[in-house]
Protein backbone atom coordinates (compact mmCIF):
# COMPACT_ATOMS: atom_id res chain seq x y z
CA MET A 1 -81.83 173.92 36.20
CA GLU A 2 -79.04 174.42 38.69
CA PHE A 3 -76.42 171.82 39.42
CA LEU A 4 -73.70 171.61 42.04
CA PHE A 5 -70.43 170.50 40.45
CA ILE A 6 -67.67 169.25 42.75
CA ASN A 7 -64.28 168.44 41.34
CA ARG A 8 -61.21 166.96 42.95
CA THR A 9 -57.84 167.31 41.27
CA LYS A 10 -56.23 163.95 40.54
CA ASP A 11 -52.70 163.43 41.83
CA VAL A 12 -51.56 162.74 38.25
CA PHE A 13 -52.02 166.50 37.55
CA LEU A 14 -49.42 167.28 40.19
CA MET A 15 -46.94 164.95 38.46
CA LEU A 16 -47.02 167.00 35.28
CA PRO A 17 -44.23 169.49 34.63
CA LEU A 18 -45.03 172.92 36.14
CA GLU A 19 -45.21 174.52 32.69
CA GLN A 20 -47.88 172.05 31.59
CA GLN A 21 -49.80 172.49 34.86
CA ALA A 22 -49.77 176.28 34.34
CA GLN A 23 -50.94 175.93 30.73
CA ILE A 24 -53.82 173.65 31.73
CA MET A 25 -54.87 175.94 34.58
CA ASP A 26 -54.79 178.99 32.28
CA GLY A 27 -57.11 177.13 29.90
CA SER A 28 -59.36 176.07 32.75
CA ASN A 29 -59.57 179.64 34.05
CA ALA A 30 -60.49 180.87 30.56
CA PHE A 31 -63.21 178.20 30.43
CA ILE A 32 -64.65 179.34 33.79
CA GLU A 33 -64.51 183.01 32.78
CA LYS A 34 -66.30 182.27 29.49
CA TYR A 35 -69.21 180.59 31.22
CA ALA A 36 -69.28 183.04 34.16
CA LYS A 37 -69.74 185.89 31.65
CA LYS A 38 -72.58 183.97 29.99
CA GLY A 39 -74.23 183.38 33.39
CA THR A 40 -73.90 179.61 33.09
CA CYS A 41 -71.36 179.32 35.90
CA LYS A 42 -73.12 181.12 38.75
CA GLU A 43 -70.57 180.75 41.56
CA ILE A 44 -67.34 178.91 42.23
CA TRP A 45 -65.39 178.22 45.40
CA ALA A 46 -62.05 176.59 46.05
CA ILE A 47 -62.04 173.72 48.57
CA PRO A 48 -58.42 173.41 49.68
CA SER A 49 -59.04 170.38 51.91
CA ILE A 50 -60.01 168.27 48.87
CA LYS A 51 -57.67 169.90 46.34
CA GLY A 52 -60.68 170.94 44.32
CA ALA A 53 -63.60 173.25 43.85
CA ALA A 54 -67.37 173.49 44.04
CA SER A 55 -69.43 175.49 41.60
CA ILE A 56 -73.06 176.16 40.70
CA TRP A 57 -73.99 175.80 37.03
CA ASP A 58 -77.28 176.78 35.36
CA VAL A 59 -77.79 174.32 32.50
CA LYS A 60 -80.78 172.53 31.00
CA SER A 61 -79.62 169.05 31.98
CA ALA A 62 -76.74 167.04 33.41
CA GLU A 63 -75.94 165.97 29.87
CA GLU A 64 -75.55 169.62 28.79
CA GLY A 65 -73.28 170.26 31.76
CA ALA A 66 -71.16 167.19 31.00
CA SER A 67 -70.91 168.35 27.38
CA LEU A 68 -69.72 171.79 28.48
CA PHE A 69 -67.06 170.32 30.71
CA ARG A 70 -65.52 168.44 27.79
CA GLU A 71 -64.31 171.90 26.69
CA ASN A 72 -62.35 172.37 29.92
CA PRO A 73 -58.71 171.36 29.36
CA ALA A 74 -58.44 170.34 33.04
CA THR A 75 -61.33 167.83 32.90
CA PRO A 76 -59.11 164.77 32.34
CA PHE A 77 -57.33 165.68 35.60
CA PHE A 78 -60.51 165.81 37.71
CA ASP A 79 -62.70 163.34 39.52
CA PHE A 80 -66.06 165.07 39.56
CA GLU A 81 -69.65 164.75 40.68
CA TRP A 82 -72.87 166.47 39.55
CA TYR A 83 -75.85 167.05 41.83
CA ALA A 84 -79.16 168.49 40.67
CA LEU A 85 -80.34 171.21 43.06
CA SER A 86 -83.90 172.05 44.02
CA ASP A 87 -85.26 175.03 45.92
CA PHE A 88 -85.26 174.15 49.63
CA SER A 89 -88.52 175.90 50.57
CA THR A 90 -90.37 174.32 47.62
CA GLN A 91 -89.02 170.90 48.61
CA MET A 92 -90.09 171.37 52.25
CA LYS A 93 -93.62 172.52 51.25
CA GLY A 94 -93.99 169.42 49.10
CA GLN A 95 -92.84 167.16 51.90
CA SER A 96 -95.23 168.85 54.33
CA GLN A 97 -98.14 168.26 51.95
CA ILE A 98 -97.24 164.58 51.63
CA TYR A 99 -97.15 164.15 55.44
CA LYS A 100 -100.52 165.91 55.79
CA LYS A 101 -102.06 163.54 53.22
CA LEU A 102 -100.54 160.48 54.92
CA LEU A 103 -101.69 161.60 58.35
CA ALA A 104 -105.20 162.33 57.03
CA LYS A 105 -105.50 158.67 55.93
CA LYS A 106 -104.95 157.38 59.52
């Protein structure tokens, strides 16, 4: 199942000494590379306007994704959100079928 993960860097991260920031970011980059190679992290984009990133993760559940992110050394410095994704065309077909059934009952 694919999930959209959006993270925003907390201001407290920017208050850390530069050396510590660099160390945390190196660890976070290694985390992303590890799961990109496994195919778990499908895509990732920086979002400069929110001081954060958006990424697509292929995991079995939100719980599995949350468990993975505990490995990321930058996680304590993020506010983050998970959204389950569904295929748009499949979703639209399902909605169309529901409307047809509702209209047939009129």
